[in-house]
Amino acid sequence: ATVIGVNNRNLRTLSVDMTASRRLVGQIPPGTVAVAESGLRTSADLVELGAAGYHAFLIGEALVTTPEPGETLGRLLDGARSASGGVGTTVRGVVAGGA
């Protein structure tokens, strides 16, 4: 499968701008696995970007900066799964990595 990731982090300034994912999702070809990367901190972020067309998410900083990464990931996924029923999307994949 072809995978395209959209990084929300400006690699020059390290600032995060979620509009990158929103702006570029429409340019990802059909049949491609779309991955939203960086700056994802809340269940609402996952739901919004899942509804926009992303299939998976790379979450790093939100997990490595918490003392309980497993619990934090669980809360993110549970919240996204609960909320996504109302927008017709599901959380299908998360790649957790270091920042």
PDB file of N, CA and C in Angstrom:
ATOM      1  N   ALA A   1       0.847  -1.192   0.000  1.00  0.00           N
ATOM      2  CA  ALA A   1       0.000   0.000   0.000  1.00  0.00           C
ATOM      3  C   ALA A   1       0.883   1.243   0.000  1.00  0.00           C
ATOM      4  N   THR A   2       0.432   2.248  -0.692  1.00  0.00           N
ATOM      5  CA  THR A   2       1.123   3.528  -0.688  1.00  0.00           C
ATOM      6  C   THR A   2       0.692   4.308   0.541  1.00  0.00           C
ATOM      7  N   VAL A   3       1.662   4.880   1.222  1.00  0.00           N
ATOM      8  CA  VAL A   3       1.396   5.652   2.441  1.00  0.00           C
ATOM      9  C   VAL A   3       1.966   7.051   2.254  1.00  0.00           C
ATOM     10  N   ILE A   4       1.165   8.065   2.587  1.00  0.00           N
ATOM     11  CA  ILE A   4       1.635   9.450   2.575  1.00  0.00           C
ATOM     12  C   ILE A   4       1.364  10.046   3.944  1.00  0.00           C
ATOM     13  N   GLY A   5       2.404  10.608   4.544  1.00  0.00           N
ATOM     14  CA  GLY A   5       2.268  11.276   5.831  1.00  0.00           C
ATOM     15  C   GLY A   5       2.343  12.781   5.660  1.00  0.00           C
ATOM     16  N   VAL A   6       1.491  13.483   6.375  1.00  0.00           N
ATOM     17  CA  VAL A   6       1.513  14.945   6.385  1.00  0.00           C
ATOM     18  C   VAL A   6       1.973  15.379   7.767  1.00  0.00           C
ATOM     19  N   ASN A   7       3.127  16.027   7.812  1.00  0.00           N
ATOM     20  CA  ASN A   7       3.720  16.455   9.078  1.00  0.00           C
ATOM     21  C   ASN A   7       3.212  17.848   9.430  1.00  0.00           C
ATOM     22  N   ASN A   8       2.586  17.977  10.575  1.00  0.00           N
ATOM     23  CA  ASN A   8       2.075  19.265  11.041  1.00  0.00           C
ATOM     24  C   ASN A   8       3.154  20.109  11.710  1.00  0.00           C
ATOM     25  N   ARG A   9       4.335  19.550  11.884  1.00  0.00           N
ATOM     26  CA  ARG A   9       5.424  20.277  12.542  1.00  0.00           C
ATOM     27  C   ARG A   9       6.335  20.904  11.488  1.00  0.00           C
ATOM     28  N   ASN A  10       6.565  22.200  11.615  1.00  0.00           N
ATOM     29  CA  ASN A  10       7.525  22.897  10.769  1.00  0.00           C
ATOM     30  C   ASN A  10       8.912  22.476  11.250  1.00  0.00           C
ATOM     31  N   LEU A  11       9.658  21.806  10.416  1.00  0.00           N
ATOM     32  CA  LEU A  11      10.940  21.255  10.846  1.00  0.00           C
ATOM     33  C   LEU A  11      12.026  22.316  10.998  1.00  0.00           C
ATOM     34  N   ARG A  12      11.788  23.521  10.515  1.00  0.00           N
ATOM     35  CA  ARG A  12      12.736  24.620  10.736  1.00  0.00           C
ATOM     36  C   ARG A  12      12.531  25.271  12.096  1.00  0.00           C
ATOM     37  N   THR A  13      11.252  25.522  12.438  1.00  0.00           N
ATOM     38  CA  THR A  13      10.953  26.241  13.686  1.00  0.00           C
ATOM     39  C   THR A  13      10.469  25.313  14.796  1.00  0.00           C
ATOM     40  N   LEU A  14      10.105  24.090  14.444  1.00  0.00           N
ATOM     41  CA  LEU A  14       9.521  23.082  15.333  1.00  0.00           C
ATOM     42  C   LEU A  14       8.134  23.467  15.843  1.00  0.00           C
ATOM     43  N   SER A  15       7.549  24.527  15.290  1.00  0.00           N
ATOM     44  CA  SER A  15       6.180  24.888  15.658  1.00  0.00           C
ATOM     45  C   SER A  15       5.215  23.913  14.982  1.00  0.00           C
ATOM     46  N   VAL A  16       4.033  23.777  15.567  1.00  0.00           N
ATOM     47  CA  VAL A  16       3.024  22.860  15.048  1.00  0.00           C
ATOM     48  C   VAL A  16       1.831  23.666  14.555  1.00  0.00           C
ATOM     49  N   ASP A  17       1.355  23.312  13.365  1.00  0.00           N
ATOM     50  CA  ASP A  17       0.196  23.975  12.777  1.00  0.00           C
ATOM     51  C   ASP A  17      -0.682  22.901  12.144  1.00  0.00           C
ATOM     52  N   MET A  18      -1.811  22.630  12.772  1.00  0.00           N
ATOM     53  CA  MET A  18      -2.699  21.563  12.314  1.00  0.00           C
ATOM     54  C   MET A  18      -3.346  21.871  10.966  1.00  0.00           C
ATOM     55  N   THR A  19      -3.251  23.100  10.494  1.00  0.00           N
ATOM     56  CA  THR A  19      -3.864  23.416   9.201  1.00  0.00           C
ATOM     57  C   THR A  19      -3.156  22.701   8.053  1.00  0.00           C
ATOM     58  N   ALA A  20      -1.926  22.268   8.252  1.00  0.00           N
ATOM     59  CA  ALA A  20      -1.228  21.519   7.197  1.00  0.00           C
ATOM     60  C   ALA A  20      -2.022  20.268   6.832  1.00  0.00           C
ATOM     61  N   SER A  21      -2.439  19.510   7.827  1.00  0.00           N
ATOM     62  CA  SER A  21      -3.212  18.296   7.560  1.00  0.00           C
ATOM     63  C   SER A  21      -4.545  18.628   6.911  1.00  0.00           C
ATOM     64  N   ARG A  22      -5.212  19.642   7.408  1.00  0.00           N
ATOM     65  CA  ARG A  22      -6.510  20.021   6.842  1.00  0.00           C
ATOM     66  C   ARG A  22      -6.358  20.471   5.387  1.00  0.00           C
ATOM     67  N   ARG A  23      -5.328  21.223   5.111  1.00  0.00           N
ATOM     68  CA  ARG A  23      -5.121  21.800   3.787  1.00  0.00           C
ATOM     69  C   ARG A  23      -4.708  20.739   2.753  1.00  0.00           C
ATOM     70  N   LEU A  24      -3.924  19.768   3.145  1.00  0.00           N
ATOM     71  CA  LEU A  24      -3.319  18.848   2.184  1.00  0.00           C
ATOM     72  C   LEU A  24      -4.059  17.532   1.980  1.00  0.00           C
ATOM     73  N   VAL A  25      -4.998  17.192   2.841  1.00  0.00           N
ATOM     74  CA  VAL A  25      -5.658  15.889   2.733  1.00  0.00           C
ATOM     75  C   VAL A  25      -6.330  15.701   1.376  1.00  0.00           C
ATOM     76  N   GLY A  26      -6.858  16.754   0.801  1.00  0.00           N
ATOM     77  CA  GLY A  26      -7.526  16.646  -0.492  1.00  0.00           C
ATOM     78  C   GLY A  26      -6.591  16.336  -1.644  1.00  0.00           C
ATOM     79  N   GLN A  27      -5.295  16.485  -1.440  1.00  0.00           N
ATOM     80  CA  GLN A  27      -4.314  16.210  -2.490  1.00  0.00           C
ATOM     81  C   GLN A  27      -3.766  14.782  -2.429  1.00  0.00           C
ATOM     82  N   ILE A  28      -4.169  14.040  -1.420  1.00  0.00           N
ATOM     83  CA  ILE A  28      -3.703  12.657  -1.289  1.00  0.00           C
ATOM     84  C   ILE A  28      -4.562  11.777  -2.199  1.00  0.00           C
ATOM     85  N   PRO A  29      -3.937  11.015  -3.096  1.00  0.00           N
ATOM     86  CA  PRO A  29      -4.695  10.214  -4.067  1.00  0.00           C
ATOM     87  C   PRO A  29      -5.569   9.151  -3.396  1.00  0.00           C
ATOM     88  N   PRO A  30      -6.708   8.841  -4.006  1.00  0.00           N
ATOM     89  CA  PRO A  30      -7.563   7.757  -3.498  1.00  0.00           C
ATOM     90  C   PRO A  30      -6.772   6.451  -3.437  1.00  0.00           C
ATOM     91  N   GLY A  31      -7.083   5.637  -2.461  1.00  0.00           N
ATOM     92  CA  GLY A  31      -6.405   4.360  -2.298  1.00  0.00           C
ATOM     93  C   GLY A  31      -5.090   4.440  -1.558  1.00  0.00           C
ATOM     94  N   THR A  32      -4.712   5.648  -1.155  1.00  0.00           N
ATOM     95  CA  THR A  32      -3.477   5.867  -0.414  1.00  0.00           C
ATOM     96  C   THR A  32      -3.796   5.938   1.072  1.00  0.00           C
ATOM     97  N   VAL A  33      -2.965   5.332   1.894  1.00  0.00           N
ATOM     98  CA  VAL A  33      -3.129   5.447   3.343  1.00  0.00           C
ATOM     99  C   VAL A  33      -2.598   6.815   3.760  1.00  0.00           C
ATOM    100  N   ALA A  34      -3.482   7.650   4.278  1.00  0.00           N
ATOM    101  CA  ALA A  34      -3.124   9.008   4.693  1.00  0.00           C
ATOM    102  C   ALA A  34      -2.832   9.016   6.189  1.00  0.00           C
ATOM    103  N   VAL A  35      -1.647   9.512   6.562  1.00  0.00           N
ATOM    104  CA  VAL A  35      -1.223   9.549   7.960  1.00  0.00           C
ATOM    105  C   VAL A  35      -1.017  11.001   8.376  1.00  0.00           C
ATOM    106  N   ALA A  36      -1.725  11.433   9.408  1.00  0.00           N
ATOM    107  CA  ALA A  36      -1.514  12.765   9.987  1.00  0.00           C
ATOM    108  C   ALA A  36      -0.431  12.627  11.047  1.00  0.00           C
ATOM    109  N   GLU A  37       0.583  13.480  10.966  1.00  0.00           N
ATOM    110  CA  GLU A  37       1.750  13.351  11.833  1.00  0.00           C
ATOM    111  C   GLU A  37       1.995  14.627  12.631  1.00  0.00           C
ATOM    112  N   SER A  38       2.281  14.466  13.892  1.00  0.00           N
ATOM    113  CA  SER A  38       2.751  15.536  14.785  1.00  0.00           C
ATOM    114  C   SER A  38       1.654  16.502  15.209  1.00  0.00           C
ATOM    115  N   GLY A  39       1.742  16.886  16.463  1.00  0.00           N
ATOM    116  CA  GLY A  39       0.838  17.882  17.015  1.00  0.00           C
ATOM    117  C   GLY A  39      -0.514  17.356  17.436  1.00  0.00           C
ATOM    118  N   LEU A  40      -0.728  16.062  17.334  1.00  0.00           N
ATOM    119  CA  LEU A  40      -2.010  15.474  17.711  1.00  0.00           C
ATOM    120  C   LEU A  40      -2.006  15.251  19.216  1.00  0.00           C
ATOM    121  N   ARG A  41      -2.899  15.946  19.910  1.00  0.00           N
ATOM    122  CA  ARG A  41      -2.869  15.908  21.369  1.00  0.00           C
ATOM    123  C   ARG A  41      -4.188  15.482  22.001  1.00  0.00           C
ATOM    124  N   THR A  42      -5.283  15.575  21.251  1.00  0.00           N
ATOM    125  CA  THR A  42      -6.591  15.301  21.845  1.00  0.00           C
ATOM    126  C   THR A  42      -7.378  14.315  20.988  1.00  0.00           C
ATOM    127  N   SER A  43      -8.386  13.723  21.613  1.00  0.00           N
ATOM    128  CA  SER A  43      -9.297  12.852  20.875  1.00  0.00           C
ATOM    129  C   SER A  43      -9.979  13.626  19.760  1.00  0.00           C
ATOM    130  N   ALA A  44     -10.302  14.888  20.029  1.00  0.00           N
ATOM    131  CA  ALA A  44     -10.957  15.723  19.016  1.00  0.00           C
ATOM    132  C   ALA A  44     -10.077  15.878  17.778  1.00  0.00           C
ATOM    133  N   ASP A  45      -8.756  15.971  17.966  1.00  0.00           N
ATOM    134  CA  ASP A  45      -7.839  16.044  16.823  1.00  0.00           C
ATOM    135  C   ASP A  45      -7.973  14.792  15.959  1.00  0.00           C
ATOM    136  N   LEU A  46      -7.999  13.630  16.595  1.00  0.00           N
ATOM    137  CA  LEU A  46      -8.100  12.369  15.855  1.00  0.00           C
ATOM    138  C   LEU A  46      -9.428  12.264  15.119  1.00  0.00           C
ATOM    139  N   VAL A  47     -10.505  12.646  15.792  1.00  0.00           N
ATOM    140  CA  VAL A  47     -11.827  12.569  15.174  1.00  0.00           C
ATOM    141  C   VAL A  47     -11.912  13.518  13.982  1.00  0.00           C
ATOM    142  N   GLU A  48     -11.464  14.752  14.175  1.00  0.00           N
ATOM    143  CA  GLU A  48     -11.529  15.738  13.094  1.00  0.00           C
ATOM    144  C   GLU A  48     -10.741  15.283  11.873  1.00  0.00           C
ATOM    145  N   LEU A  49      -9.521  14.841  12.092  1.00  0.00           N
ATOM    146  CA  LEU A  49      -8.686  14.444  10.963  1.00  0.00           C
ATOM    147  C   LEU A  49      -9.128  13.109  10.367  1.00  0.00           C
ATOM    148  N   GLY A  50      -9.676  12.225  11.187  1.00  0.00           N
ATOM    149  CA  GLY A  50     -10.254  10.994  10.649  1.00  0.00           C
ATOM    150  C   GLY A  50     -11.435  11.301   9.739  1.00  0.00           C
ATOM    151  N   ALA A  51     -12.279  12.234  10.159  1.00  0.00           N
ATOM    152  CA  ALA A  51     -13.425  12.633   9.343  1.00  0.00           C
ATOM    153  C   ALA A  51     -12.971  13.320   8.057  1.00  0.00           C
ATOM    154  N   ALA A  52     -11.826  13.998   8.115  1.00  0.00           N
ATOM    155  CA  ALA A  52     -11.298  14.690   6.936  1.00  0.00           C
ATOM    156  C   ALA A  52     -10.716  13.719   5.912  1.00  0.00           C
ATOM    157  N   GLY A  53     -10.407  12.483   6.343  1.00  0.00           N
ATOM    158  CA  GLY A  53      -9.896  11.494   5.399  1.00  0.00           C
ATOM    159  C   GLY A  53      -8.623  10.788   5.803  1.00  0.00           C
ATOM    160  N   TYR A  54      -8.094  11.092   6.988  1.00  0.00           N
ATOM    161  CA  TYR A  54      -6.878  10.408   7.431  1.00  0.00           C
ATOM    162  C   TYR A  54      -7.226   9.034   7.971  1.00  0.00           C
ATOM    163  N   HIS A  55      -6.338   8.080   7.709  1.00  0.00           N
ATOM    164  CA  HIS A  55      -6.542   6.688   8.118  1.00  0.00           C
ATOM    165  C   HIS A  55      -5.745   6.310   9.358  1.00  0.00           C
ATOM    166  N   ALA A  56      -4.677   7.039   9.624  1.00  0.00           N
ATOM    167  CA  ALA A  56      -3.792   6.702  10.742  1.00  0.00           C
ATOM    168  C   ALA A  56      -3.147   7.983  11.252  1.00  0.00           C
ATOM    169  N   PHE A  57      -2.568   7.882  12.447  1.00  0.00           N
ATOM    170  CA  PHE A  57      -2.015   9.052  13.119  1.00  0.00           C
ATOM    171  C   PHE A  57      -0.692   8.689  13.770  1.00  0.00           C
ATOM    172  N   LEU A  58       0.281   9.578  13.648  1.00  0.00           N
ATOM    173  CA  LEU A  58       1.544   9.402  14.340  1.00  0.00           C
ATOM    174  C   LEU A  58       1.520  10.339  15.541  1.00  0.00           C
ATOM    175  N   ILE A  59       1.587   9.758  16.720  1.00  0.00           N
ATOM    176  CA  ILE A  59       1.518  10.530  17.961  1.00  0.00           C
ATOM    177  C   ILE A  59       2.818  10.300  18.711  1.00  0.00           C
ATOM    178  N   GLY A  60       3.569  11.349  18.940  1.00  0.00           N
ATOM    179  CA  GLY A  60       4.843  11.223  19.631  1.00  0.00           C
ATOM    180  C   GLY A  60       4.888  12.043  20.896  1.00  0.00           C
ATOM    181  N   GLU A  61       4.974  13.354  20.735  1.00  0.00           N
ATOM    182  CA  GLU A  61       5.186  14.253  21.871  1.00  0.00           C
ATOM    183  C   GLU A  61       4.128  14.101  22.961  1.00  0.00           C
ATOM    184  N   ALA A  62       2.875  13.932  22.567  1.00  0.00           N
ATOM    185  CA  ALA A  62       1.803  13.798  23.555  1.00  0.00           C
ATOM    186  C   ALA A  62       2.008  12.570  24.440  1.00  0.00           C
ATOM    187  N   LEU A  63       2.720  11.571  23.926  1.00  0.00           N
ATOM    188  CA  LEU A  63       2.939  10.350  24.704  1.00  0.00           C
ATOM    189  C   LEU A  63       4.259  10.357  25.460  1.00  0.00           C
ATOM    190  N   VAL A  64       5.292  10.956  24.886  1.00  0.00           N
ATOM    191  CA  VAL A  64       6.583  10.933  25.574  1.00  0.00           C
ATOM    192  C   VAL A  64       6.690  12.006  26.653  1.00  0.00           C
ATOM    193  N   THR A  65       5.755  12.940  26.677  1.00  0.00           N
ATOM    194  CA  THR A  65       5.800  13.991  27.701  1.00  0.00           C
ATOM    195  C   THR A  65       4.855  13.720  28.859  1.00  0.00           C
ATOM    196  N   THR A  66       4.219  12.568  28.872  1.00  0.00           N
ATOM    197  CA  THR A  66       3.322  12.213  29.966  1.00  0.00           C
ATOM    198  C   THR A  66       3.951  11.088  30.784  1.00  0.00           C
ATOM    199  N   PRO A  67       3.732  11.083  32.094  1.00  0.00           N
ATOM    200  CA  PRO A  67       4.297  10.000  32.903  1.00  0.00           C
ATOM    201  C   PRO A  67       3.615   8.648  32.665  1.00  0.00           C
ATOM    202  N   GLU A  68       2.427   8.662  32.076  1.00  0.00           N
ATOM    203  CA  GLU A  68       1.671   7.427  31.827  1.00  0.00           C
ATOM    204  C   GLU A  68       1.275   7.343  30.353  1.00  0.00           C
ATOM    205  N   PRO A  69       2.217   7.026  29.462  1.00  0.00           N
ATOM    206  CA  PRO A  69       1.894   7.029  28.034  1.00  0.00           C
ATOM    207  C   PRO A  69       0.813   6.026  27.642  1.00  0.00           C
ATOM    208  N   GLY A  70       0.803   4.870  28.261  1.00  0.00           N
ATOM    209  CA  GLY A  70      -0.221   3.875  27.941  1.00  0.00           C
ATOM    210  C   GLY A  70      -1.611   4.365  28.287  1.00  0.00           C
ATOM    211  N   GLU A  71      -1.743   4.962  29.462  1.00  0.00           N
ATOM    212  CA  GLU A  71      -3.042   5.502  29.872  1.00  0.00           C
ATOM    213  C   GLU A  71      -3.451   6.666  28.986  1.00  0.00           C
ATOM    214  N   THR A  72      -2.496   7.518  28.650  1.00  0.00           N
ATOM    215  CA  THR A  72      -2.792   8.660  27.786  1.00  0.00           C
ATOM    216  C   THR A  72      -3.270   8.184  26.421  1.00  0.00           C
ATOM    217  N   LEU A  73      -2.583   7.203  25.846  1.00  0.00           N
ATOM    218  CA  LEU A  73      -2.997   6.659  24.559  1.00  0.00           C
ATOM    219  C   LEU A  73      -4.385   6.036  24.661  1.00  0.00           C
ATOM    220  N   GLY A  74      -4.629   5.299  25.729  1.00  0.00           N
ATOM    221  CA  GLY A  74      -5.944   4.697  25.931  1.00  0.00           C
ATOM    222  C   GLY A  74      -7.047   5.737  25.973  1.00  0.00           C
ATOM    223  N   ARG A  75      -6.799   6.841  26.691  1.00  0.00           N
ATOM    224  CA  ARG A  75      -7.799   7.913  26.769  1.00  0.00           C
ATOM    225  C   ARG A  75      -8.024   8.564  25.405  1.00  0.00           C
ATOM    226  N   LEU A  76      -6.937   8.788  24.666  1.00  0.00           N
ATOM    227  CA  LEU A  76      -7.072   9.366  23.322  1.00  0.00           C
ATOM    228  C   LEU A  76      -7.937   8.470  22.431  1.00  0.00           C
ATOM    229  N   LEU A  77      -7.627   7.192  22.414  1.00  0.00           N
ATOM    230  CA  LEU A  77      -8.363   6.263  21.558  1.00  0.00           C
ATOM    231  C   LEU A  77      -9.801   6.084  22.007  1.00  0.00           C
ATOM    232  N   ASP A  78     -10.013   5.921  23.311  1.00  0.00           N
ATOM    233  CA  ASP A  78     -11.378   5.758  23.814  1.00  0.00           C
ATOM    234  C   ASP A  78     -12.231   6.976  23.487  1.00  0.00           C
ATOM    235  N   GLY A  79     -11.672   8.162  23.706  1.00  0.00           N
ATOM    236  CA  GLY A  79     -12.406   9.387  23.409  1.00  0.00           C
ATOM    237  C   GLY A  79     -12.709   9.521  21.933  1.00  0.00           C
ATOM    238  N   ALA A  80     -11.746   9.179  21.098  1.00  0.00           N
ATOM    239  CA  ALA A  80     -11.950   9.275  19.649  1.00  0.00           C
ATOM    240  C   ALA A  80     -12.975   8.257  19.173  1.00  0.00           C
ATOM    241  N   ARG A  81     -12.904   7.049  19.693  1.00  0.00           N
ATOM    242  CA  ARG A  81     -13.879   6.026  19.290  1.00  0.00           C
ATOM    243  C   ARG A  81     -15.279   6.416  19.721  1.00  0.00           C
ATOM    244  N   SER A  82     -15.417   6.954  20.922  1.00  0.00           N
ATOM    245  CA  SER A  82     -16.731   7.375  21.415  1.00  0.00           C
ATOM    246  C   SER A  82     -17.292   8.505  20.568  1.00  0.00           C
ATOM    247  N   ALA A  83     -16.461   9.489  20.287  1.00  0.00           N
ATOM    248  CA  ALA A  83     -16.913  10.670  19.555  1.00  0.00           C
ATOM    249  C   ALA A  83     -17.092  10.402  18.068  1.00  0.00           C
ATOM    250  N   SER A  84     -16.324   9.479  17.500  1.00  0.00           N
ATOM    251  CA  SER A  84     -16.340   9.299  16.051  1.00  0.00           C
ATOM    252  C   SER A  84     -17.639   8.705  15.540  1.00  0.00           C
ATOM    253  N   GLY A  85     -18.396   8.049  16.387  1.00  0.00           N
ATOM    254  CA  GLY A  85     -19.670   7.494  15.952  1.00  0.00           C
ATOM    255  C   GLY A  85     -20.594   8.557  15.396  1.00  0.00           C
ATOM    256  N   GLY A  86     -20.487   9.761  15.909  1.00  0.00           N
ATOM    257  CA  GLY A  86     -21.349  10.842  15.458  1.00  0.00           C
ATOM    258  C   GLY A  86     -20.924  11.472  14.154  1.00  0.00           C
ATOM    259  N   VAL A  87     -19.704  11.218  13.700  1.00  0.00           N
ATOM    260  CA  VAL A  87     -19.251  11.847  12.460  1.00  0.00           C
ATOM    261  C   VAL A  87     -18.982  10.823  11.362  1.00  0.00           C
ATOM    262  N   GLY A  88     -19.316   9.582  11.605  1.00  0.00           N
ATOM    263  CA  GLY A  88     -19.191   8.567  10.569  1.00  0.00           C
ATOM    264  C   GLY A  88     -17.769   8.135  10.253  1.00  0.00           C
ATOM    265  N   THR A  89     -16.904   8.198  11.219  1.00  0.00           N
ATOM    266  CA  THR A  89     -15.532   7.763  10.995  1.00  0.00           C
ATOM    267  C   THR A  89     -15.103   6.891  12.162  1.00  0.00           C
ATOM    268  N   THR A  90     -14.039   6.171  11.979  1.00  0.00           N
ATOM    269  CA  THR A  90     -13.492   5.382  13.070  1.00  0.00           C
ATOM    270  C   THR A  90     -12.004   5.640  13.168  1.00  0.00           C
ATOM    271  N   VAL A  91     -11.490   5.454  14.338  1.00  0.00           N
ATOM    272  CA  VAL A  91     -10.049   5.536  14.525  1.00  0.00           C
ATOM    273  C   VAL A  91      -9.505   4.168  14.171  1.00  0.00           C
ATOM    274  N   ARG A  92      -8.687   4.092  13.117  1.00  0.00           N
ATOM    275  CA  ARG A  92      -8.223   2.813  12.604  1.00  0.00           C
ATOM    276  C   ARG A  92      -6.797   2.490  12.967  1.00  0.00           C
ATOM    277  N   GLY A  93      -5.964   3.492  13.153  1.00  0.00           N
ATOM    278  CA  GLY A  93      -4.578   3.167  13.426  1.00  0.00           C
ATOM    279  C   GLY A  93      -3.847   4.311  14.090  1.00  0.00           C
ATOM    280  N   VAL A  94      -2.966   3.973  14.960  1.00  0.00           N
ATOM    281  CA  VAL A  94      -2.130   4.968  15.616  1.00  0.00           C
ATOM    282  C   VAL A  94      -0.723   4.410  15.674  1.00  0.00           C
ATOM    283  N   VAL A  95       0.238   5.214  15.288  1.00  0.00           N
ATOM    284  CA  VAL A  95       1.637   4.858  15.446  1.00  0.00           C
ATOM    285  C   VAL A  95       2.173   5.747  16.546  1.00  0.00           C
ATOM    286  N   ALA A  96       2.586   5.162  17.629  1.00  0.00           N
ATOM    287  CA  ALA A  96       3.126   5.940  18.745  1.00  0.00           C
ATOM    288  C   ALA A  96       4.637   5.910  18.655  1.00  0.00           C
ATOM    289  N   GLY A  97       5.224   7.082  18.661  1.00  0.00           N
ATOM    290  CA  GLY A  97       6.667   7.147  18.541  1.00  0.00           C
ATOM    291  C   GLY A  97       7.249   8.212  19.434  1.00  0.00           C
ATOM    292  N   GLY A  98       8.550   8.256  19.499  1.00  0.00           N
ATOM    293  CA  GLY A  98       9.232   9.253  20.308  1.00  0.00           C
ATOM    294  C   GLY A  98       9.339  10.576  19.592  1.00  0.00           C
ATOM    295  N   ALA A  99       9.446  11.627  20.384  1.00  0.00           N
ATOM    296  CA  ALA A  99       9.578  12.972  19.807  1.00  0.00           C
ATOM    297  C   ALA A  99      11.038  13.282  19.569  1.00  0.00           C
TER     298      ALA A  99
END
